[in-house]
PDB file of N, CA and C in Angstrom:
ATOM      1  N   MET A   1       0.845  -1.172   0.000  1.00  0.00           N
ATOM      2  CA  MET A   1       0.000   0.000   0.000  1.00  0.00           C
ATOM      3  C   MET A   1       0.890   1.234   0.000  1.00  0.00           C
ATOM      4  N   SER A   2       0.634   2.134  -0.890  1.00  0.00           N
ATOM      5  CA  SER A   2       1.423   3.359  -0.957  1.00  0.00           C
ATOM      6  C   SER A   2       0.870   4.386   0.016  1.00  0.00           C
ATOM      7  N   ALA A   3       1.634   5.456   0.224  1.00  0.00           N
ATOM      8  CA  ALA A   3       1.171   6.522   1.117  1.00  0.00           C
ATOM      9  C   ALA A   3      -0.117   7.147   0.604  1.00  0.00           C
ATOM     10  N   ALA A   4      -0.268   7.197  -0.723  1.00  0.00           N
ATOM     11  CA  ALA A   4      -1.482   7.773  -1.297  1.00  0.00           C
ATOM     12  C   ALA A   4      -2.700   6.908  -1.012  1.00  0.00           C
ATOM     13  N   ASP A   5      -2.494   5.608  -0.833  1.00  0.00           N
ATOM     14  CA  ASP A   5      -3.593   4.692  -0.543  1.00  0.00           C
ATOM     15  C   ASP A   5      -3.822   4.532   0.957  1.00  0.00           C
ATOM     16  N   SER A   6      -3.065   5.243   1.746  1.00  0.00           N
ATOM     17  CA  SER A   6      -3.131   5.099   3.189  1.00  0.00           C
ATOM     18  C   SER A   6      -4.519   5.418   3.730  1.00  0.00           C
ATOM     19  N   PRO A   7      -4.982   4.646   4.710  1.00  0.00           N
ATOM     20  CA  PRO A   7      -6.268   4.948   5.329  1.00  0.00           C
ATOM     21  C   PRO A   7      -6.223   6.219   6.158  1.00  0.00           C
ATOM     22  N   HIS A   8      -5.038   6.807   6.291  1.00  0.00           N
ATOM     23  CA  HIS A   8      -4.888   8.031   7.068  1.00  0.00           C
ATOM     24  C   HIS A   8      -5.215   9.263   6.234  1.00  0.00           C
ATOM     25  N   GLY A   9      -5.477   9.061   4.959  1.00  0.00           N
ATOM     26  CA  GLY A   9      -5.958  10.147   4.105  1.00  0.00           C
ATOM     27  C   GLY A   9      -4.883  10.990   3.471  1.00  0.00           C
ATOM     28  N   ASN A  10      -5.131  11.429   2.281  1.00  0.00           N
ATOM     29  CA  ASN A  10      -4.341  12.404   1.536  1.00  0.00           C
ATOM     30  C   ASN A  10      -2.838  12.162   1.565  1.00  0.00           C
ATOM     31  N   GLY A  11      -2.421  10.924   1.588  1.00  0.00           N
ATOM     32  CA  GLY A  11      -1.000  10.610   1.514  1.00  0.00           C
ATOM     33  C   GLY A  11      -0.233  10.917   2.786  1.00  0.00           C
ATOM     34  N   ALA A  12      -0.914  11.278   3.859  1.00  0.00           N
ATOM     35  CA  ALA A  12      -0.240  11.596   5.117  1.00  0.00           C
ATOM     36  C   ALA A  12       0.358  10.326   5.714  1.00  0.00           C
ATOM     37  N   GLN A  13       1.544  10.458   6.256  1.00  0.00           N
ATOM     38  CA  GLN A  13       2.187   9.326   6.908  1.00  0.00           C
ATOM     39  C   GLN A  13       1.663   9.205   8.333  1.00  0.00           C
ATOM     40  N   PRO A  14       1.353   8.007   8.774  1.00  0.00           N
ATOM     41  CA  PRO A  14       0.889   7.841  10.148  1.00  0.00           C
ATOM     42  C   PRO A  14       2.022   8.110  11.131  1.00  0.00           C
ATOM     43  N   CYS A  15       1.667   8.537  12.302  1.00  0.00           N
ATOM     44  CA  CYS A  15       2.645   8.793  13.350  1.00  0.00           C
ATOM     45  C   CYS A  15       3.002   7.453  14.006  1.00  0.00           C
ATOM     46  N   SER A  16       4.273   7.119  14.050  1.00  0.00           N
ATOM     47  CA  SER A  16       4.687   5.827  14.600  1.00  0.00           C
ATOM     48  C   SER A  16       4.381   5.714  16.093  1.00  0.00           C
ATOM     49  N   THR A  17       4.443   6.822  16.810  1.00  0.00           N
ATOM     50  CA  THR A  17       4.118   6.781  18.233  1.00  0.00           C
ATOM     51  C   THR A  17       2.638   6.498  18.431  1.00  0.00           C
ATOM     52  N   CYS A  18       1.781   7.129  17.611  1.00  0.00           N
ATOM     53  CA  CYS A  18       0.336   6.855  17.684  1.00  0.00           C
ATOM     54  C   CYS A  18       0.077   5.382  17.397  1.00  0.00           C
ATOM     55  N   GLU A  19       0.728   4.865  16.376  1.00  0.00           N
ATOM     56  CA  GLU A  19       0.542   3.461  16.016  1.00  0.00           C
ATOM     57  C   GLU A  19       0.990   2.550  17.159  1.00  0.00           C
ATOM     58  N   SER A  20       2.059   2.911  17.843  1.00  0.00           N
ATOM     59  CA  SER A  20       2.547   2.108  18.967  1.00  0.00           C
ATOM     60  C   SER A  20       1.543   2.089  20.113  1.00  0.00           C
ATOM     61  N   TRP A  21       0.959   3.249  20.425  1.00  0.00           N
ATOM     62  CA  TRP A  21      -0.038   3.301  21.500  1.00  0.00           C
ATOM     63  C   TRP A  21      -1.286   2.513  21.132  1.00  0.00           C
ATOM     64  N   LYS A  22      -1.692   2.592  19.871  1.00  0.00           N
ATOM     65  CA  LYS A  22      -2.872   1.828  19.431  1.00  0.00           C
ATOM     66  C   LYS A  22      -2.611   0.326  19.520  1.00  0.00           C
ATOM     67  N   LEU A  23      -1.415  -0.093  19.125  1.00  0.00           N
ATOM     68  CA  LEU A  23      -1.056  -1.501  19.207  1.00  0.00           C
ATOM     69  C   LEU A  23      -1.008  -1.970  20.663  1.00  0.00           C
ATOM     70  N   ALA A  24      -0.444  -1.149  21.524  1.00  0.00           N
ATOM     71  CA  ALA A  24      -0.375  -1.498  22.947  1.00  0.00           C
ATOM     72  C   ALA A  24      -1.776  -1.608  23.541  1.00  0.00           C
ATOM     73  N   GLU A  25      -2.676  -0.722  23.131  1.00  0.00           N
ATOM     74  CA  GLU A  25      -4.057  -0.796  23.612  1.00  0.00           C
ATOM     75  C   GLU A  25      -4.729  -2.091  23.152  1.00  0.00           C
ATOM     76  N   THR A  26      -4.541  -2.437  21.886  1.00  0.00           N
ATOM     77  CA  THR A  26      -5.118  -3.664  21.346  1.00  0.00           C
ATOM     78  C   THR A  26      -4.584  -4.890  22.083  1.00  0.00           C
ATOM     79  N   ASP A  27      -3.285  -4.889  22.331  1.00  0.00           N
ATOM     80  CA  ASP A  27      -2.669  -5.999  23.061  1.00  0.00           C
ATOM     81  C   ASP A  27      -3.234  -6.096  24.481  1.00  0.00           C
ATOM     82  N   ALA A  28      -3.353  -4.959  25.149  1.00  0.00           N
ATOM     83  CA  ALA A  28      -3.891  -4.952  26.512  1.00  0.00           C
ATOM     84  C   ALA A  28      -5.335  -5.450  26.534  1.00  0.00           C
ATOM     85  N   ASN A  29      -6.128  -5.017  25.578  1.00  0.00           N
ATOM     86  CA  ASN A  29      -7.513  -5.504  25.505  1.00  0.00           C
ATOM     87  C   ASN A  29      -7.548  -7.010  25.290  1.00  0.00           C
ATOM     88  N   GLY A  30      -6.666  -7.512  24.437  1.00  0.00           N
ATOM     89  CA  GLY A  30      -6.599  -8.950  24.184  1.00  0.00           C
ATOM     90  C   GLY A  30      -6.234  -9.741  25.425  1.00  0.00           C
ATOM     91  N   ARG A  31      -5.464  -9.124  26.293  1.00  0.00           N
ATOM     92  CA  ARG A  31      -5.065  -9.766  27.543  1.00  0.00           C
ATOM     93  C   ARG A  31      -6.064  -9.473  28.672  1.00  0.00           C
ATOM     94  N   ARG A  32      -7.111  -8.768  28.323  1.00  0.00           N
ATOM     95  CA  ARG A  32      -8.152  -8.349  29.290  1.00  0.00           C
ATOM     96  C   ARG A  32      -7.580  -7.502  30.410  1.00  0.00           C
ATOM     97  N   ASP A  33      -6.554  -6.718  30.060  1.00  0.00           N
ATOM     98  CA  ASP A  33      -5.958  -5.773  31.006  1.00  0.00           C
ATOM     99  C   ASP A  33      -6.539  -4.398  30.665  1.00  0.00           C
ATOM    100  N   TYR A  34      -7.769  -4.192  31.103  1.00  0.00           N
ATOM    101  CA  TYR A  34      -8.511  -3.000  30.700  1.00  0.00           C
ATOM    102  C   TYR A  34      -7.958  -1.725  31.329  1.00  0.00           C
ATOM    103  N   SER A  35      -7.310  -1.842  32.453  1.00  0.00           N
ATOM    104  CA  SER A  35      -6.672  -0.680  33.071  1.00  0.00           C
ATOM    105  C   SER A  35      -5.523  -0.190  32.185  1.00  0.00           C
ATOM    106  N   LYS A  36      -4.718  -1.131  31.709  1.00  0.00           N
ATOM    107  CA  LYS A  36      -3.603  -0.764  30.824  1.00  0.00           C
ATOM    108  C   LYS A  36      -4.134  -0.211  29.500  1.00  0.00           C
ATOM    109  N   ALA A  37      -5.217  -0.789  28.976  1.00  0.00           N
ATOM    110  CA  ALA A  37      -5.802  -0.303  27.733  1.00  0.00           C
ATOM    111  C   ALA A  37      -6.271   1.142  27.894  1.00  0.00           C
ATOM    112  N   THR A  38      -6.870   1.437  29.045  1.00  0.00           N
ATOM    113  CA  THR A  38      -7.303   2.811  29.323  1.00  0.00           C
ATOM    114  C   THR A  38      -6.100   3.742  29.383  1.00  0.00           C
ATOM    115  N   ASP A  39      -5.040   3.306  30.049  1.00  0.00           N
ATOM    116  CA  ASP A  39      -3.816   4.111  30.113  1.00  0.00           C
ATOM    117  C   ASP A  39      -3.293   4.410  28.714  1.00  0.00           C
ATOM    118  N   CYS A  40      -3.323   3.424  27.841  1.00  0.00           N
ATOM    119  CA  CYS A  40      -2.841   3.608  26.469  1.00  0.00           C
ATOM    120  C   CYS A  40      -3.681   4.652  25.732  1.00  0.00           C
ATOM    121  N   ARG A  41      -5.008   4.587  25.904  1.00  0.00           N
ATOM    122  CA  ARG A  41      -5.880   5.572  25.244  1.00  0.00           C
ATOM    123  C   ARG A  41      -5.595   6.986  25.744  1.00  0.00           C
ATOM    124  N   ILE A  42      -5.379   7.118  27.047  1.00  0.00           N
ATOM    125  CA  ILE A  42      -5.085   8.430  27.624  1.00  0.00           C
ATOM    126  C   ILE A  42      -3.750   8.953  27.109  1.00  0.00           C
ATOM    127  N   LEU A  43      -2.741   8.092  27.104  1.00  0.00           N
ATOM    128  CA  LEU A  43      -1.421   8.512  26.626  1.00  0.00           C
ATOM    129  C   LEU A  43      -1.444   8.828  25.136  1.00  0.00           C
ATOM    130  N   LEU A  44      -2.235   8.080  24.365  1.00  0.00           N
ATOM    131  CA  LEU A  44      -2.381   8.378  22.941  1.00  0.00           C
ATOM    132  C   LEU A  44      -2.993   9.763  22.755  1.00  0.00           C
ATOM    133  N   LYS A  45      -4.048  10.051  23.493  1.00  0.00           N
ATOM    134  CA  LYS A  45      -4.700  11.351  23.366  1.00  0.00           C
ATOM    135  C   LYS A  45      -3.750  12.487  23.755  1.00  0.00           C
ATOM    136  N   ARG A  46      -3.011  12.306  24.843  1.00  0.00           N
ATOM    137  CA  ARG A  46      -2.037  13.329  25.251  1.00  0.00           C
ATOM    138  C   ARG A  46      -0.981  13.536  24.177  1.00  0.00           C
ATOM    139  N   HIS A  47      -0.515  12.442  23.605  1.00  0.00           N
ATOM    140  CA  HIS A  47       0.490  12.529  22.547  1.00  0.00           C
ATOM    141  C   HIS A  47      -0.062  13.288  21.346  1.00  0.00           C
ATOM    142  N   GLN A  48      -1.296  12.965  20.939  1.00  0.00           N
ATOM    143  CA  GLN A  48      -1.895  13.609  19.774  1.00  0.00           C
ATOM    144  C   GLN A  48      -2.096  15.102  19.990  1.00  0.00           C
ATOM    145  N   GLU A  49      -2.308  15.509  21.218  1.00  0.00           N
ATOM    146  CA  GLU A  49      -2.492  16.922  21.531  1.00  0.00           C
ATOM    147  C   GLU A  49      -1.175  17.665  21.679  1.00  0.00           C
ATOM    148  N   SER A  50      -0.082  16.928  21.719  1.00  0.00           N
ATOM    149  CA  SER A  50       1.231  17.539  21.875  1.00  0.00           C
ATOM    150  C   SER A  50       1.811  17.924  20.513  1.00  0.00           C
ATOM    151  N   ALA A  51       2.888  18.665  20.565  1.00  0.00           N
ATOM    152  CA  ALA A  51       3.582  19.060  19.338  1.00  0.00           C
ATOM    153  C   ALA A  51       4.408  17.911  18.768  1.00  0.00           C
ATOM    154  N   GLU A  52       4.542  16.814  19.522  1.00  0.00           N
ATOM    155  CA  GLU A  52       5.346  15.676  19.075  1.00  0.00           C
ATOM    156  C   GLU A  52       4.666  14.844  17.998  1.00  0.00           C
ATOM    157  N   CYS A  53       3.351  14.923  17.919  1.00  0.00           N
ATOM    158  CA  CYS A  53       2.607  14.068  16.986  1.00  0.00           C
ATOM    159  C   CYS A  53       2.772  14.588  15.564  1.00  0.00           C
ATOM    160  N   VAL A  54       3.450  13.797  14.734  1.00  0.00           N
ATOM    161  CA  VAL A  54       3.729  14.231  13.362  1.00  0.00           C
ATOM    162  C   VAL A  54       2.512  14.106  12.447  1.00  0.00           C
ATOM    163  N   ALA A  55       1.466  13.436  12.921  1.00  0.00           N
ATOM    164  CA  ALA A  55       0.255  13.293  12.122  1.00  0.00           C
ATOM    165  C   ALA A  55      -0.769  14.374  12.456  1.00  0.00           C
ATOM    166  N   GLY A  56      -0.371  15.317  13.288  1.00  0.00           N
ATOM    167  CA  GLY A  56      -1.268  16.403  13.631  1.00  0.00           C
ATOM    168  C   GLY A  56      -2.524  15.955  14.365  1.00  0.00           C
ATOM    169  N   GLY A  57      -2.388  14.941  15.218  1.00  0.00           N
ATOM    170  CA  GLY A  57      -3.524  14.447  15.964  1.00  0.00           C
ATOM    171  C   GLY A  57      -4.406  13.480  15.189  1.00  0.00           C
ATOM    172  N   GLN A  58      -4.007  13.174  13.962  1.00  0.00           N
ATOM    173  CA  GLN A  58      -4.793  12.270  13.143  1.00  0.00           C
ATOM    174  C   GLN A  58      -4.174  10.884  13.061  1.00  0.00           C
ATOM    175  N   GLY A  59      -3.042  10.662  13.792  1.00  0.00           N
ATOM    176  CA  GLY A  59      -2.284   9.435  13.722  1.00  0.00           C
ATOM    177  C   GLY A  59      -3.059   8.258  14.109  1.00  0.00           C
TER     178      GLY A  59
END
């Protein structure tokens, strides 16, 4: 899949940190560690609101 075909829209590259938090949340949910999954969602949101997110909060 090319960047133009990305589900993130308009050829934008996904933020690797956002992807890492989403993966960690999925893993935690799979392990039924819902507290950790919640932590991942909170940290993802904080990251997206920060200047560090290269996807502009859309990662």
